Amino acid sequence: DYAPEKVAGEIGVKAEDIRLAARWFGRKGKTAMSLWCMGVNQRTFGVHMNCQVHNMHLLTGK
């Protein structure tokens, strides 16, 4: 079960933010590009955050 409410508690992100990201990436006929700077990479879990950004692209084909 990967409901946003369950995942939110595990990763510390609000369920609504998870839904918003899914809507952004899931828009039909739209492309997506992710850009970030050192803020993401300089966290203790930065590698995991970057992997999830890439996973969003892979899952949606965008």
PDB file of N, CA and C in Angstrom:
ATOM      1  N   ASP A   1       0.850  -1.174   0.000  1.00  0.00           N
ATOM      2  CA  ASP A   1       0.000   0.000   0.000  1.00  0.00           C
ATOM      3  C   ASP A   1       0.896   1.237   0.000  1.00  0.00           C
ATOM      4  N   TYR A   2       0.788   2.045  -1.043  1.00  0.00           N
ATOM      5  CA  TYR A   2       1.605   3.255  -1.156  1.00  0.00           C
ATOM      6  C   TYR A   2       0.724   4.502  -1.200  1.00  0.00           C
ATOM      7  N   ALA A   3      -0.315   4.510  -0.391  1.00  0.00           N
ATOM      8  CA  ALA A   3      -1.189   5.678  -0.315  1.00  0.00           C
ATOM      9  C   ALA A   3      -0.375   6.877   0.156  1.00  0.00           C
ATOM     10  N   PRO A   4      -0.640   8.073  -0.389  1.00  0.00           N
ATOM     11  CA  PRO A   4       0.128   9.254   0.005  1.00  0.00           C
ATOM     12  C   PRO A   4       0.166   9.479   1.515  1.00  0.00           C
ATOM     13  N   GLU A   5      -0.928   9.207   2.201  1.00  0.00           N
ATOM     14  CA  GLU A   5      -0.954   9.418   3.655  1.00  0.00           C
ATOM     15  C   GLU A   5       0.032   8.491   4.370  1.00  0.00           C
ATOM     16  N   LYS A   6       0.125   7.255   3.926  1.00  0.00           N
ATOM     17  CA  LYS A   6       1.046   6.305   4.548  1.00  0.00           C
ATOM     18  C   LYS A   6       2.497   6.678   4.242  1.00  0.00           C
ATOM     19  N   VAL A   7       2.769   6.987   2.994  1.00  0.00           N
ATOM     20  CA  VAL A   7       4.130   7.333   2.586  1.00  0.00           C
ATOM     21  C   VAL A   7       4.565   8.641   3.242  1.00  0.00           C
ATOM     22  N   ALA A   8       3.654   9.586   3.362  1.00  0.00           N
ATOM     23  CA  ALA A   8       3.981  10.888   3.959  1.00  0.00           C
ATOM     24  C   ALA A   8       4.575  10.721   5.349  1.00  0.00           C
ATOM     25  N   GLY A   9       3.997   9.848   6.138  1.00  0.00           N
ATOM     26  CA  GLY A   9       4.511   9.615   7.479  1.00  0.00           C
ATOM     27  C   GLY A   9       5.894   8.994   7.487  1.00  0.00           C
ATOM     28  N   GLU A  10       6.187   8.218   6.468  1.00  0.00           N
ATOM     29  CA  GLU A  10       7.490   7.546   6.383  1.00  0.00           C
ATOM     30  C   GLU A  10       8.602   8.484   5.928  1.00  0.00           C
ATOM     31  N   ILE A  11       8.274   9.420   5.038  1.00  0.00           N
ATOM     32  CA  ILE A  11       9.325  10.245   4.426  1.00  0.00           C
ATOM     33  C   ILE A  11       9.317  11.699   4.871  1.00  0.00           C
ATOM     34  N   GLY A  12       8.319  12.099   5.653  1.00  0.00           N
ATOM     35  CA  GLY A  12       8.291  13.465   6.165  1.00  0.00           C
ATOM     36  C   GLY A  12       7.859  14.503   5.144  1.00  0.00           C
ATOM     37  N   VAL A  13       7.049  14.094   4.181  1.00  0.00           N
ATOM     38  CA  VAL A  13       6.507  15.007   3.170  1.00  0.00           C
ATOM     39  C   VAL A  13       4.991  14.948   3.278  1.00  0.00           C
ATOM     40  N   LYS A  14       4.330  16.090   3.200  1.00  0.00           N
ATOM     41  CA  LYS A  14       2.875  16.113   3.311  1.00  0.00           C
ATOM     42  C   LYS A  14       2.237  15.335   2.162  1.00  0.00           C
ATOM     43  N   ALA A  15       1.142  14.648   2.465  1.00  0.00           N
ATOM     44  CA  ALA A  15       0.432  13.858   1.459  1.00  0.00           C
ATOM     45  C   ALA A  15       0.006  14.734   0.282  1.00  0.00           C
ATOM     46  N   GLU A  16      -0.424  15.946   0.556  1.00  0.00           N
ATOM     47  CA  GLU A  16      -0.853  16.836  -0.527  1.00  0.00           C
ATOM     48  C   GLU A  16       0.319  17.194  -1.438  1.00  0.00           C
ATOM     49  N   ASP A  17       1.516  17.328  -0.890  1.00  0.00           N
ATOM     50  CA  ASP A  17       2.693  17.608  -1.723  1.00  0.00           C
ATOM     51  C   ASP A  17       3.020  16.423  -2.629  1.00  0.00           C
ATOM     52  N   ILE A  18       2.822  15.216  -2.122  1.00  0.00           N
ATOM     53  CA  ILE A  18       3.023  14.020  -2.947  1.00  0.00           C
ATOM     54  C   ILE A  18       2.030  14.020  -4.101  1.00  0.00           C
ATOM     55  N   ARG A  19       0.782  14.335  -3.798  1.00  0.00           N
ATOM     56  CA  ARG A  19      -0.241  14.395  -4.855  1.00  0.00           C
ATOM     57  C   ARG A  19       0.073  15.492  -5.874  1.00  0.00           C
ATOM     58  N   LEU A  20       0.545  16.633  -5.400  1.00  0.00           N
ATOM     59  CA  LEU A  20       0.883  17.734  -6.299  1.00  0.00           C
ATOM     60  C   LEU A  20       2.001  17.320  -7.256  1.00  0.00           C
ATOM     61  N   ALA A  21       3.032  16.676  -6.739  1.00  0.00           N
ATOM     62  CA  ALA A  21       4.126  16.206  -7.602  1.00  0.00           C
ATOM     63  C   ALA A  21       3.602  15.211  -8.630  1.00  0.00           C
ATOM     64  N   ALA A  22       2.717  14.324  -8.214  1.00  0.00           N
ATOM     65  CA  ALA A  22       2.137  13.353  -9.147  1.00  0.00           C
ATOM     66  C   ALA A  22       1.324  14.054 -10.230  1.00  0.00           C
ATOM     67  N   ARG A  23       0.584  15.098  -9.858  1.00  0.00           N
ATOM     68  CA  ARG A  23      -0.192  15.843 -10.864  1.00  0.00           C
ATOM     69  C   ARG A  23       0.732  16.559 -11.840  1.00  0.00           C
ATOM     70  N   TRP A  24       1.808  17.158 -11.336  1.00  0.00           N
ATOM     71  CA  TRP A  24       2.751  17.854 -12.218  1.00  0.00           C
ATOM     72  C   TRP A  24       3.351  16.897 -13.236  1.00  0.00           C
ATOM     73  N   PHE A  25       3.809  15.753 -12.770  1.00  0.00           N
ATOM     74  CA  PHE A  25       4.452  14.796 -13.665  1.00  0.00           C
ATOM     75  C   PHE A  25       3.443  14.054 -14.529  1.00  0.00           C
ATOM     76  N   GLY A  26       2.229  13.907 -14.039  1.00  0.00           N
ATOM     77  CA  GLY A  26       1.244  13.101 -14.742  1.00  0.00           C
ATOM     78  C   GLY A  26       0.400  13.829 -15.770  1.00  0.00           C
ATOM     79  N   ARG A  27       0.616  15.117 -15.968  1.00  0.00           N
ATOM     80  CA  ARG A  27      -0.204  15.866 -16.922  1.00  0.00           C
ATOM     81  C   ARG A  27      -0.029  15.312 -18.328  1.00  0.00           C
ATOM     82  N   LYS A  28      -1.126  14.962 -18.943  1.00  0.00           N
ATOM     83  CA  LYS A  28      -1.096  14.415 -20.297  1.00  0.00           C
ATOM     84  C   LYS A  28      -0.641  15.485 -21.285  1.00  0.00           C
ATOM     85  N   GLY A  29       0.244  15.090 -22.182  1.00  0.00           N
ATOM     86  CA  GLY A  29       0.706  15.991 -23.226  1.00  0.00           C
ATOM     87  C   GLY A  29       1.749  16.996 -22.777  1.00  0.00           C
ATOM     88  N   LYS A  30       2.182  16.911 -21.543  1.00  0.00           N
ATOM     89  CA  LYS A  30       3.187  17.841 -21.023  1.00  0.00           C
ATOM     90  C   LYS A  30       4.496  17.093 -20.792  1.00  0.00           C
ATOM     91  N   THR A  31       5.585  17.801 -20.935  1.00  0.00           N
ATOM     92  CA  THR A  31       6.889  17.220 -20.635  1.00  0.00           C
ATOM     93  C   THR A  31       7.340  17.690 -19.259  1.00  0.00           C
ATOM     94  N   ALA A  32       8.393  17.096 -18.767  1.00  0.00           N
ATOM     95  CA  ALA A  32       8.912  17.480 -17.454  1.00  0.00           C
ATOM     96  C   ALA A  32      10.433  17.501 -17.500  1.00  0.00           C
ATOM     97  N   MET A  33      11.005  18.449 -16.775  1.00  0.00           N
ATOM     98  CA  MET A  33      12.448  18.529 -16.649  1.00  0.00           C
ATOM     99  C   MET A  33      12.750  18.914 -15.204  1.00  0.00           C
ATOM    100  N   SER A  34      13.686  18.239 -14.610  1.00  0.00           N
ATOM    101  CA  SER A  34      14.052  18.525 -13.224  1.00  0.00           C
ATOM    102  C   SER A  34      15.427  19.164 -13.169  1.00  0.00           C
ATOM    103  N   LEU A  35      15.513  20.236 -12.420  1.00  0.00           N
ATOM    104  CA  LEU A  35      16.777  20.927 -12.185  1.00  0.00           C
ATOM    105  C   LEU A  35      16.927  21.129 -10.689  1.00  0.00           C
ATOM    106  N   TRP A  36      18.130  20.998 -10.193  1.00  0.00           N
ATOM    107  CA  TRP A  36      18.366  21.286  -8.787  1.00  0.00           C
ATOM    108  C   TRP A  36      19.801  21.725  -8.600  1.00  0.00           C
ATOM    109  N   CYS A  37      20.070  22.271  -7.446  1.00  0.00           N
ATOM    110  CA  CYS A  37      21.434  22.716  -7.144  1.00  0.00           C
ATOM    111  C   CYS A  37      21.924  21.972  -5.905  1.00  0.00           C
ATOM    112  N   MET A  38      22.926  22.451  -5.291  1.00  0.00           N
ATOM    113  CA  MET A  38      23.590  21.726  -4.218  1.00  0.00           C
ATOM    114  C   MET A  38      22.714  21.477  -2.994  1.00  0.00           C
ATOM    115  N   GLY A  39      21.639  22.188  -2.825  1.00  0.00           N
ATOM    116  CA  GLY A  39      20.797  21.983  -1.651  1.00  0.00           C
ATOM    117  C   GLY A  39      20.301  20.558  -1.518  1.00  0.00           C
ATOM    118  N   VAL A  40      19.907  19.952  -2.619  1.00  0.00           N
ATOM    119  CA  VAL A  40      19.431  18.568  -2.590  1.00  0.00           C
ATOM    120  C   VAL A  40      20.587  17.622  -2.297  1.00  0.00           C
ATOM    121  N   ASN A  41      21.693  17.825  -2.939  1.00  0.00           N
ATOM    122  CA  ASN A  41      22.827  16.909  -2.824  1.00  0.00           C
ATOM    123  C   ASN A  41      23.532  16.977  -1.482  1.00  0.00           C
ATOM    124  N   GLN A  42      23.403  18.069  -0.757  1.00  0.00           N
ATOM    125  CA  GLN A  42      24.155  18.246   0.480  1.00  0.00           C
ATOM    126  C   GLN A  42      23.435  17.734   1.724  1.00  0.00           C
ATOM    127  N   ARG A  43      22.393  17.016   1.543  1.00  0.00           N
ATOM    128  CA  ARG A  43      21.686  16.421   2.679  1.00  0.00           C
ATOM    129  C   ARG A  43      22.210  15.000   2.901  1.00  0.00           C
ATOM    130  N   THR A  44      21.983  14.486   4.082  1.00  0.00           N
ATOM    131  CA  THR A  44      22.447  13.127   4.367  1.00  0.00           C
ATOM    132  C   THR A  44      21.722  12.097   3.512  1.00  0.00           C
ATOM    133  N   PHE A  45      20.540  12.435   3.028  1.00  0.00           N
ATOM    134  CA  PHE A  45      19.771  11.526   2.182  1.00  0.00           C
ATOM    135  C   PHE A  45      19.664  12.062   0.757  1.00  0.00           C
ATOM    136  N   GLY A  46      20.606  12.912   0.362  1.00  0.00           N
ATOM    137  CA  GLY A  46      20.577  13.538  -0.961  1.00  0.00           C
ATOM    138  C   GLY A  46      20.575  12.557  -2.113  1.00  0.00           C
ATOM    139  N   VAL A  47      21.350  11.491  -2.005  1.00  0.00           N
ATOM    140  CA  VAL A  47      21.380  10.485  -3.073  1.00  0.00           C
ATOM    141  C   VAL A  47      19.998   9.883  -3.256  1.00  0.00           C
ATOM    142  N   HIS A  48      19.327   9.595  -2.153  1.00  0.00           N
ATOM    143  CA  HIS A  48      17.989   9.006  -2.222  1.00  0.00           C
ATOM    144  C   HIS A  48      16.991   9.986  -2.837  1.00  0.00           C
ATOM    145  N   MET A  49      17.114  11.263  -2.506  1.00  0.00           N
ATOM    146  CA  MET A  49      16.225  12.271  -3.093  1.00  0.00           C
ATOM    147  C   MET A  49      16.430  12.347  -4.601  1.00  0.00           C
ATOM    148  N   ASN A  50      17.677  12.350  -5.030  1.00  0.00           N
ATOM    149  CA  ASN A  50      17.960  12.402  -6.462  1.00  0.00           C
ATOM    150  C   ASN A  50      17.425  11.168  -7.172  1.00  0.00           C
ATOM    151  N   CYS A  51      17.573  10.010  -6.551  1.00  0.00           N
ATOM    152  CA  CYS A  51      17.048   8.777  -7.153  1.00  0.00           C
ATOM    153  C   CYS A  51      15.537   8.867  -7.342  1.00  0.00           C
ATOM    154  N   GLN A  52      14.844   9.446  -6.382  1.00  0.00           N
ATOM    155  CA  GLN A  52      13.389   9.537  -6.498  1.00  0.00           C
ATOM    156  C   GLN A  52      12.964  10.528  -7.577  1.00  0.00           C
ATOM    157  N   VAL A  53      13.718  11.584  -7.745  1.00  0.00           N
ATOM    158  CA  VAL A  53      13.428  12.512  -8.851  1.00  0.00           C
ATOM    159  C   VAL A  53      13.579  11.771 -10.173  1.00  0.00           C
ATOM    160  N   HIS A  54      14.647  11.015 -10.313  1.00  0.00           N
ATOM    161  CA  HIS A  54      14.852  10.233 -11.538  1.00  0.00           C
ATOM    162  C   HIS A  54      13.748   9.190 -11.706  1.00  0.00           C
ATOM    163  N   ASN A  55      13.333   8.572 -10.608  1.00  0.00           N
ATOM    164  CA  ASN A  55      12.261   7.578 -10.685  1.00  0.00           C
ATOM    165  C   ASN A  55      10.965   8.185 -11.191  1.00  0.00           C
ATOM    166  N   MET A  56      10.665   9.419 -10.802  1.00  0.00           N
ATOM    167  CA  MET A  56       9.451  10.071 -11.313  1.00  0.00           C
ATOM    168  C   MET A  56       9.507  10.188 -12.830  1.00  0.00           C
ATOM    169  N   HIS A  57      10.672  10.531 -13.351  1.00  0.00           N
ATOM    170  CA  HIS A  57      10.824  10.618 -14.803  1.00  0.00           C
ATOM    171  C   HIS A  57      10.678   9.243 -15.446  1.00  0.00           C
ATOM    172  N   LEU A  58      11.294   8.242 -14.854  1.00  0.00           N
ATOM    173  CA  LEU A  58      11.229   6.897 -15.416  1.00  0.00           C
ATOM    174  C   LEU A  58       9.812   6.336 -15.374  1.00  0.00           C
ATOM    175  N   LEU A  59       9.114   6.550 -14.278  1.00  0.00           N
ATOM    176  CA  LEU A  59       7.756   6.024 -14.134  1.00  0.00           C
ATOM    177  C   LEU A  59       6.771   6.665 -15.095  1.00  0.00           C
ATOM    178  N   THR A  60       6.994   7.930 -15.412  1.00  0.00           N
ATOM    179  CA  THR A  60       6.052   8.641 -16.282  1.00  0.00           C
ATOM    180  C   THR A  60       6.517   8.706 -17.729  1.00  0.00           C
ATOM    181  N   GLY A  61       7.755   8.294 -17.995  1.00  0.00           N
ATOM    182  CA  GLY A  61       8.274   8.370 -19.364  1.00  0.00           C
ATOM    183  C   GLY A  61       8.527   9.794 -19.814  1.00  0.00           C
ATOM    184  N   LYS A  62       8.753  10.687 -18.878  1.00  0.00           N
ATOM    185  CA  LYS A  62       8.969  12.102 -19.203  1.00  0.00           C
ATOM    186  C   LYS A  62      10.331  12.551 -18.773  1.00  0.00           C
TER     187      LYS A  62
END
